[in-house]
């Protein structure tokens, strides 16, 4: 009788509803870093982990408990499998990663300290994703169960074919009714400002939520924040609100978020952000951070903002959640933000003392 009652309960109990997943598209790279704070020229051993802007966002969302899928192309050899496994272990859907090509991109990361900045050296030419071609990905199938699509300005900078793939993906997302977010993420080592501006301008009409740091709008679209000096750590709220207004007016983008980093040193930053929505600019609280690893900090903000948007938070709460999530990432080694939504909510609510939890 107990077995029958249990079966009846299982049949009548409300089923958990899985929200539509977030799809991200980009490159996943091998990260090689000297131990601790050693410089490259001192290193005898390198620690190997994985990272990449859109892959970071997918991993961060999965850690927050939100379904995420990563789309890319990776070699079929064991290092490619290592990269795939780095996402699968955290619950990211890797079923749309194509296997092929000869190599995975590599980046070397030297951690800065005090007044010595961090340094990154890229070795990514000829990576599998950079050689992927339009038509290789079945975007209609990829977006069939999707509720959001995210890419960054790094991916179209990798090659002409990657730029075409991003446009192909954005058009498919629009066709499937999937909102699109983009992090400008300008990288001067990948392309010129003129090329970035031309390519990104073609992608902006598809974007519902644009994310940038305090320098991206100037580098990509020549839109500058008046009253600010990034090198000196002077950031003007009104200047960045005006940047957002200009971006929104030029491209018709409904929402724009800008992270605001004030660098005291390589180890200590002040961290906050702005969200421009409904024609008004909201500013978050500001966190003093002692940094363990800043790589992936912007990606964790993007993931936090996507999460808070997809879960229906109010505008101010969306922004505070994203900033708190990113603040926590700066205290975690590696590219991925391995925090739970509860941890982020606690920090956003004011629990930032760092006391031991027992």
Protein backbone atom coordinates (compact mmCIF):
# COMPACT_ATOMS: atom_id res chain seq x y z
CA UNK A 1 0.00 0.00 0.00
CA UNK A 2 2.82 2.37 0.86
CA UNK A 3 4.38 1.76 -2.55
CA UNK A 4 1.08 2.54 -4.28
CA UNK A 5 0.64 5.74 -2.25
CA UNK A 6 4.17 6.81 -3.06
CA UNK A 7 3.60 6.17 -6.76
CA UNK A 8 0.33 8.15 -6.67
CA UNK A 9 2.15 11.05 -4.98
CA UNK A 10 4.88 11.08 -7.62
CA UNK A 11 2.29 11.09 -10.41
CA UNK A 12 0.29 13.99 -8.95
CA UNK A 13 3.12 16.11 -7.53
CA UNK A 14 3.84 19.30 -9.50
CA UNK A 15 6.75 18.88 -11.87
CA UNK A 16 9.70 21.26 -11.61
CA UNK A 17 9.86 23.57 -14.61
CA UNK A 18 13.28 24.01 -16.16
CA UNK A 19 13.66 27.54 -17.56
CA UNK A 20 14.80 27.99 -21.16
CA UNK A 21 18.57 27.76 -21.25
CA UNK A 22 21.06 30.50 -22.03
CA UNK A 23 23.20 29.78 -25.11
CA UNK A 24 26.68 31.29 -25.40
CA UNK A 25 28.97 31.14 -28.43
CA UNK A 26 32.72 31.67 -28.59
CA UNK A 27 36.19 30.32 -27.94
CA UNK A 28 37.39 28.12 -25.10
CA UNK A 29 41.13 28.31 -24.48
CA UNK A 30 43.83 26.62 -22.46
CA UNK A 31 45.13 28.98 -19.76
CA UNK A 32 48.73 28.49 -18.62
CA UNK A 33 49.84 30.46 -15.58
CA UNK A 34 53.04 30.56 -13.49
CA UNK A 35 52.63 29.51 -9.89
CA UNK A 36 51.51 32.22 -7.50
CA UNK A 37 52.83 35.65 -8.43
CA UNK A 38 55.91 34.47 -10.34
CA UNK A 39 56.74 36.31 -13.56
CA UNK A 40 56.85 34.45 -16.87
CA UNK A 41 60.65 34.57 -16.92
CA UNK A 42 60.78 32.93 -13.46
CA UNK A 43 58.38 30.11 -14.21
CA UNK A 44 59.50 26.48 -14.17
CA UNK A 45 55.95 25.11 -14.03
CA UNK A 46 52.63 26.35 -15.42
CA UNK A 47 49.21 25.57 -14.03
CA UNK A 48 46.73 24.52 -16.73
CA UNK A 49 43.07 25.56 -16.56
CA UNK A 50 40.46 26.56 -19.14
CA UNK A 51 38.75 29.84 -19.91
CA UNK A 52 37.24 32.10 -22.52
CA UNK A 53 34.71 34.91 -22.32
CA UNK A 54 31.53 33.15 -23.45
CA UNK A 55 32.55 29.84 -21.90
CA UNK A 56 33.06 31.67 -18.61
CA UNK A 57 29.53 33.05 -18.80
CA UNK A 58 28.10 29.58 -19.41
CA UNK A 59 30.05 28.06 -16.50
CA UNK A 60 29.10 30.96 -14.22
CA UNK A 61 25.40 30.55 -15.03
CA UNK A 62 25.57 26.82 -14.39
CA UNK A 63 27.20 27.47 -11.01
CA UNK A 64 24.36 29.86 -10.18
CA UNK A 65 21.95 27.03 -10.95
CA UNK A 66 20.70 28.28 -14.31
CA UNK A 67 20.75 26.03 -17.42
CA UNK A 68 23.39 27.07 -19.93
CA UNK A 69 24.80 25.70 -23.17
CA UNK A 70 28.11 26.55 -24.82
CA UNK A 71 28.57 26.46 -28.60
CA UNK A 72 32.03 26.30 -30.14
CA UNK A 73 34.43 24.15 -32.14
CA UNK A 74 37.29 22.26 -30.52
CA UNK A 75 39.81 19.66 -31.74
CA UNK A 76 38.88 16.02 -31.34
CA UNK A 77 42.15 15.22 -29.54
CA UNK A 78 42.64 14.90 -25.78
CA UNK A 79 43.32 18.58 -25.08
CA UNK A 80 40.08 19.43 -26.83
CA UNK A 81 38.36 16.87 -24.62
CA UNK A 82 39.99 18.42 -21.54
CA UNK A 83 38.37 21.72 -22.54
CA UNK A 84 34.97 20.11 -23.02
CA UNK A 85 35.25 18.33 -19.67
CA UNK A 86 36.04 21.61 -17.90
CA UNK A 87 32.53 22.81 -18.72
CA UNK A 88 30.69 19.51 -18.41
CA UNK A 89 31.85 19.05 -14.82
CA UNK A 90 29.85 22.15 -13.84
CA UNK A 91 26.71 21.10 -15.72
CA UNK A 92 27.07 23.15 -18.91
CA UNK A 93 25.36 21.60 -21.95
CA UNK A 94 28.19 20.81 -24.36
CA UNK A 95 26.12 18.88 -26.93
CA UNK A 96 26.48 21.61 -29.59
CA UNK A 97 30.29 21.83 -29.45
CA UNK A 98 31.61 20.69 -32.83
CA UNK A 99 34.78 18.61 -32.89
CA UNK A 100 37.39 19.30 -35.53
CA UNK A 101 40.39 21.43 -36.42
CA UNK A 102 43.96 21.02 -35.24
CA UNK A 103 44.46 23.18 -32.19
CA UNK A 104 42.97 24.94 -29.22
CA UNK A 105 43.86 28.55 -28.47
CA UNK A 106 46.26 29.16 -25.58
CA UNK A 107 46.76 32.15 -23.34
CA UNK A 108 49.47 32.74 -20.76
CA UNK A 109 48.49 34.72 -17.67
CA UNK A 110 50.94 36.39 -15.30
CA UNK A 111 49.24 37.70 -12.16
CA UNK A 112 50.09 41.24 -11.15
CA UNK A 113 50.73 42.51 -7.65
CA UNK A 114 50.84 45.94 -6.07
CA UNK A 115 51.76 48.42 -8.81
CA UNK A 116 52.87 45.68 -11.27
CA UNK A 117 49.92 44.92 -13.59
CA UNK A 118 48.80 41.49 -14.72
CA UNK A 119 49.94 40.44 -18.18
CA UNK A 120 48.35 38.17 -20.79
CA UNK A 121 50.06 36.71 -23.87
CA UNK A 122 47.87 35.03 -26.52
CA UNK A 123 48.74 32.10 -28.78
CA UNK A 124 45.43 31.52 -30.55
CA UNK A 125 46.10 31.82 -34.30
CA UNK A 126 44.69 28.87 -36.23
CA UNK A 127 42.44 27.68 -33.42
CA UNK A 128 39.56 25.42 -34.42
CA UNK A 129 36.87 28.01 -33.71
CA UNK A 130 38.66 30.66 -35.79
CA UNK A 131 38.49 28.30 -38.79
CA UNK A 132 34.80 27.39 -38.31
CA UNK A 133 32.58 28.44 -41.23
CA UNK A 134 29.02 29.71 -41.59
CA UNK A 135 26.62 26.82 -42.07
CA UNK A 136 28.48 24.46 -39.72
CA UNK A 137 26.14 25.11 -36.77
CA UNK A 138 22.43 24.26 -36.80
CA UNK A 139 21.26 27.44 -35.10
CA UNK A 140 17.56 26.64 -35.34
CA UNK A 141 18.17 23.42 -33.38
CA UNK A 142 20.48 25.21 -30.93
CA UNK A 143 17.86 27.89 -30.19
CA UNK A 144 14.94 25.46 -30.05
CA UNK A 145 15.01 25.34 -26.23
CA UNK A 146 16.78 28.63 -25.62
CA UNK A 147 15.58 31.71 -23.78
CA UNK A 148 18.68 33.88 -24.23
CA UNK A 149 21.77 34.16 -26.47
CA UNK A 150 25.09 35.74 -25.48
CA UNK A 151 28.29 36.50 -27.35
CA UNK A 152 31.14 38.99 -26.99
CA UNK A 153 33.20 41.22 -29.24
CA UNK A 154 36.09 38.79 -28.91
CA UNK A 155 34.50 36.11 -31.10
CA UNK A 156 33.91 38.17 -34.29
CA UNK A 157 37.48 39.48 -33.89
CA UNK A 158 38.97 35.99 -34.26
CA UNK A 159 38.47 35.75 -38.04
CA UNK A 160 36.27 36.88 -40.90
CA UNK A 161 34.38 33.60 -40.69
CA UNK A 162 33.77 34.06 -36.95
CA UNK A 163 32.34 37.52 -37.63
CA UNK A 164 30.02 35.95 -40.21
CA UNK A 165 29.07 33.22 -37.73
CA UNK A 166 28.13 35.79 -35.10
CA UNK A 167 25.88 37.57 -37.59
CA UNK A 168 24.40 34.23 -38.64
CA UNK A 169 23.71 33.35 -34.99
CA UNK A 170 22.13 36.74 -34.22
CA UNK A 171 19.82 36.48 -37.22
CA UNK A 172 18.80 32.98 -36.16
CA UNK A 173 18.18 34.15 -32.58
CA UNK A 174 15.94 36.95 -33.90
CA UNK A 175 14.10 34.47 -36.10
CA UNK A 176 13.56 32.16 -33.11
CA UNK A 177 12.47 34.99 -30.80
CA UNK A 178 15.52 34.66 -28.53
CA UNK A 179 16.82 37.88 -26.86
CA UNK A 180 20.51 38.65 -27.46
CA UNK A 181 23.13 40.14 -25.18
CA UNK A 182 26.63 41.21 -26.15
CA UNK A 183 29.70 42.21 -24.17
CA UNK A 184 31.80 44.56 -26.33
CA UNK A 185 35.06 43.18 -24.88
CA UNK A 186 37.43 45.07 -27.21
CA UNK A 187 40.85 43.41 -27.64
CA UNK A 188 43.40 45.58 -29.41
CA UNK A 189 45.64 42.59 -30.16
CA UNK A 190 42.89 40.99 -32.26
CA UNK A 191 41.73 43.85 -34.47
CA UNK A 192 41.86 47.58 -35.03
CA UNK A 193 39.36 50.06 -33.60
CA UNK A 194 38.08 50.85 -37.09
CA UNK A 195 37.49 47.18 -37.91
CA UNK A 196 35.86 46.55 -34.53
CA UNK A 197 33.55 49.52 -34.96
CA UNK A 198 32.43 48.43 -38.43
CA UNK A 199 31.80 44.78 -37.53
CA UNK A 200 30.16 45.42 -34.16
CA UNK A 201 27.89 48.12 -35.63
CA UNK A 202 26.42 45.48 -37.95
CA UNK A 203 25.67 43.23 -34.95
CA UNK A 204 24.22 45.87 -32.62
CA UNK A 205 20.69 45.98 -34.16
CA UNK A 206 20.13 42.44 -32.84
CA UNK A 207 21.22 43.24 -29.28
CA UNK A 208 18.72 43.72 -26.44
CA UNK A 209 21.30 44.09 -23.67
CA UNK A 210 24.76 45.55 -24.31
CA UNK A 211 27.52 45.15 -21.70
CA UNK A 212 30.77 47.10 -21.70
CA UNK A 213 33.55 48.20 -19.40
CA UNK A 214 34.60 51.79 -18.83
CA UNK A 215 36.78 51.86 -21.98
CA UNK A 216 34.95 49.71 -24.56
CA UNK A 217 32.55 52.32 -25.94
CA UNK A 218 35.44 54.69 -26.63
CA UNK A 219 37.59 51.97 -28.23
CA UNK A 220 34.87 50.48 -30.44
CA UNK A 221 32.46 53.33 -31.19
CA UNK A 222 34.47 56.46 -30.30
CA UNK A 223 31.95 57.40 -27.60
CA UNK A 224 33.77 58.89 -24.63
CA UNK A 225 32.72 59.47 -21.01
CA UNK A 226 33.21 63.12 -20.15
CA UNK A 227 34.85 63.87 -16.81
CA UNK A 228 36.54 60.48 -16.55
CA UNK A 229 40.19 59.40 -16.57
CA UNK A 230 40.47 55.61 -16.41
CA UNK A 231 44.25 55.62 -15.82
CA UNK A 232 43.82 57.88 -12.77
CA UNK A 233 40.73 56.01 -11.52
CA UNK A 234 38.40 59.00 -12.03
CA UNK A 235 34.95 57.81 -13.22
CA UNK A 236 32.09 60.23 -13.80
CA UNK A 237 28.59 58.84 -13.29
CA UNK A 238 27.04 61.45 -15.57
CA UNK A 239 29.69 60.79 -18.20
CA UNK A 240 28.84 57.09 -18.36
CA UNK A 241 25.11 57.76 -18.31
CA UNK A 242 25.70 59.92 -21.38
CA UNK A 243 27.71 57.13 -23.02
CA UNK A 244 24.76 54.78 -22.51
CA UNK A 245 22.30 57.32 -23.90
CA UNK A 246 24.42 57.74 -27.03
CA UNK A 247 24.76 53.98 -27.54
CA UNK A 248 21.03 53.48 -27.06
CA UNK A 249 20.17 56.28 -29.48
CA UNK A 250 22.67 55.22 -32.16
CA UNK A 251 21.76 51.53 -32.24
CA UNK A 252 18.30 51.33 -30.64
CA UNK A 253 19.55 49.11 -27.82
CA UNK A 254 16.99 48.95 -24.95
CA UNK A 255 19.44 48.28 -22.09
CA UNK A 256 23.11 49.03 -21.56
CA UNK A 257 25.29 48.01 -18.61
CA UNK A 258 28.76 49.40 -17.95
CA UNK A 259 31.12 48.04 -15.31
CA UNK A 260 33.08 50.70 -13.43
CA UNK A 261 36.48 49.68 -12.12
CA UNK A 262 38.62 52.08 -10.09
CA UNK A 263 42.13 50.67 -9.81
CA UNK A 264 44.03 51.50 -6.63
CA UNK A 265 46.64 48.85 -7.50
CA UNK A 266 46.78 45.45 -9.21
CA UNK A 267 45.56 43.92 -5.95
CA UNK A 268 42.99 46.47 -4.81
CA UNK A 269 40.11 47.87 -6.85
CA UNK A 270 36.79 49.56 -6.26
CA UNK A 271 34.06 47.82 -8.23
CA UNK A 272 30.60 48.90 -9.30
CA UNK A 273 28.40 49.24 -12.38
CA UNK A 274 25.66 51.18 -14.12
CA UNK A 275 22.50 49.89 -15.78
CA UNK A 276 20.77 52.14 -18.31
CA UNK A 277 17.18 51.05 -18.79
CA UNK A 278 13.94 52.82 -19.58
CA UNK A 279 15.85 56.00 -20.37
CA UNK A 280 17.34 56.24 -16.86
CA UNK A 281 20.70 55.27 -15.36
CA UNK A 282 20.94 53.21 -12.16
CA UNK A 283 24.20 52.89 -10.23
CA UNK A 284 25.14 50.06 -7.90
CA UNK A 285 26.86 50.17 -4.56
CA UNK A 286 30.65 50.17 -4.74
CA UNK A 287 32.73 47.27 -3.40
CA UNK A 288 36.35 47.56 -2.24
CA UNK A 289 38.03 44.36 -3.48
CA UNK A 290 41.33 42.68 -2.66
CA UNK A 291 41.86 40.67 -5.83
CA UNK A 292 42.84 37.02 -6.02
CA UNK A 293 42.26 36.68 -9.79
CA UNK A 294 40.63 39.34 -11.95
CA UNK A 295 40.43 37.35 -15.21
CA UNK A 296 36.78 36.58 -15.89
CA UNK A 297 35.56 39.45 -13.72
CA UNK A 298 33.63 41.11 -16.52
CA UNK A 299 32.21 37.79 -17.69
CA UNK A 300 30.91 37.07 -14.20
CA UNK A 301 29.12 40.43 -14.25
CA UNK A 302 27.52 39.50 -17.56
CA UNK A 303 26.45 36.12 -16.24
CA UNK A 304 25.02 37.70 -13.10
CA UNK A 305 23.04 40.24 -15.13
CA UNK A 306 21.70 37.58 -17.50
CA UNK A 307 20.71 35.43 -14.50
CA UNK A 308 18.97 38.26 -12.69
CA UNK A 309 17.18 39.30 -15.89
CA UNK A 310 16.02 35.78 -16.77
CA UNK A 311 14.79 35.15 -13.22
CA UNK A 312 12.65 38.29 -13.26
CA UNK A 313 14.34 40.52 -10.69
CA UNK A 314 13.53 44.23 -10.56
CA UNK A 315 16.00 46.59 -12.25
CA UNK A 316 17.92 47.75 -9.16
CA UNK A 317 18.10 44.18 -7.83
CA UNK A 318 19.30 42.92 -11.22
CA UNK A 319 22.19 45.34 -11.14
CA UNK A 320 23.13 44.68 -7.51
CA UNK A 321 23.08 40.91 -8.09
CA UNK A 322 25.39 41.21 -11.10
CA UNK A 323 27.87 43.45 -9.28
CA UNK A 324 27.89 41.21 -6.20
CA UNK A 325 28.43 38.10 -8.33
CA UNK A 326 31.38 39.75 -10.06
CA UNK A 327 32.81 41.00 -6.79
CA UNK A 328 32.91 37.41 -5.52
CA UNK A 329 34.60 36.21 -8.73
CA UNK A 330 37.60 38.45 -8.05
CA UNK A 331 38.27 36.29 -4.97
CA UNK A 332 38.32 33.00 -6.94
CA UNK A 333 41.25 31.47 -8.83
CA UNK A 334 40.67 30.68 -12.50
CA UNK A 335 38.29 32.03 -15.12
CA UNK A 336 35.06 30.53 -13.78
CA UNK A 337 32.93 32.13 -11.04
CA UNK A 338 32.20 29.16 -8.78
CA UNK A 339 29.57 30.71 -6.52
CA UNK A 340 25.95 29.90 -5.80
CA UNK A 341 23.02 32.27 -6.20
CA UNK A 342 22.53 32.20 -2.40
CA UNK A 343 26.09 33.42 -1.86
CA UNK A 344 25.52 36.27 -4.29
CA UNK A 345 22.21 37.24 -2.69
CA UNK A 346 23.86 37.33 0.73
CA UNK A 347 26.60 39.68 -0.45
CA UNK A 348 24.13 41.90 -2.31
CA UNK A 349 22.08 42.11 0.89
CA UNK A 350 25.10 43.38 2.82
CA UNK A 351 26.83 40.26 4.15
CA UNK A 352 30.35 41.13 3.01
CA UNK A 353 32.46 40.76 6.14
CA UNK A 354 34.12 37.53 5.00
CA UNK A 355 33.53 35.87 8.38
CA UNK A 356 33.92 32.09 8.53
CA UNK A 357 30.65 30.24 7.84
CA UNK A 358 30.11 27.19 10.03
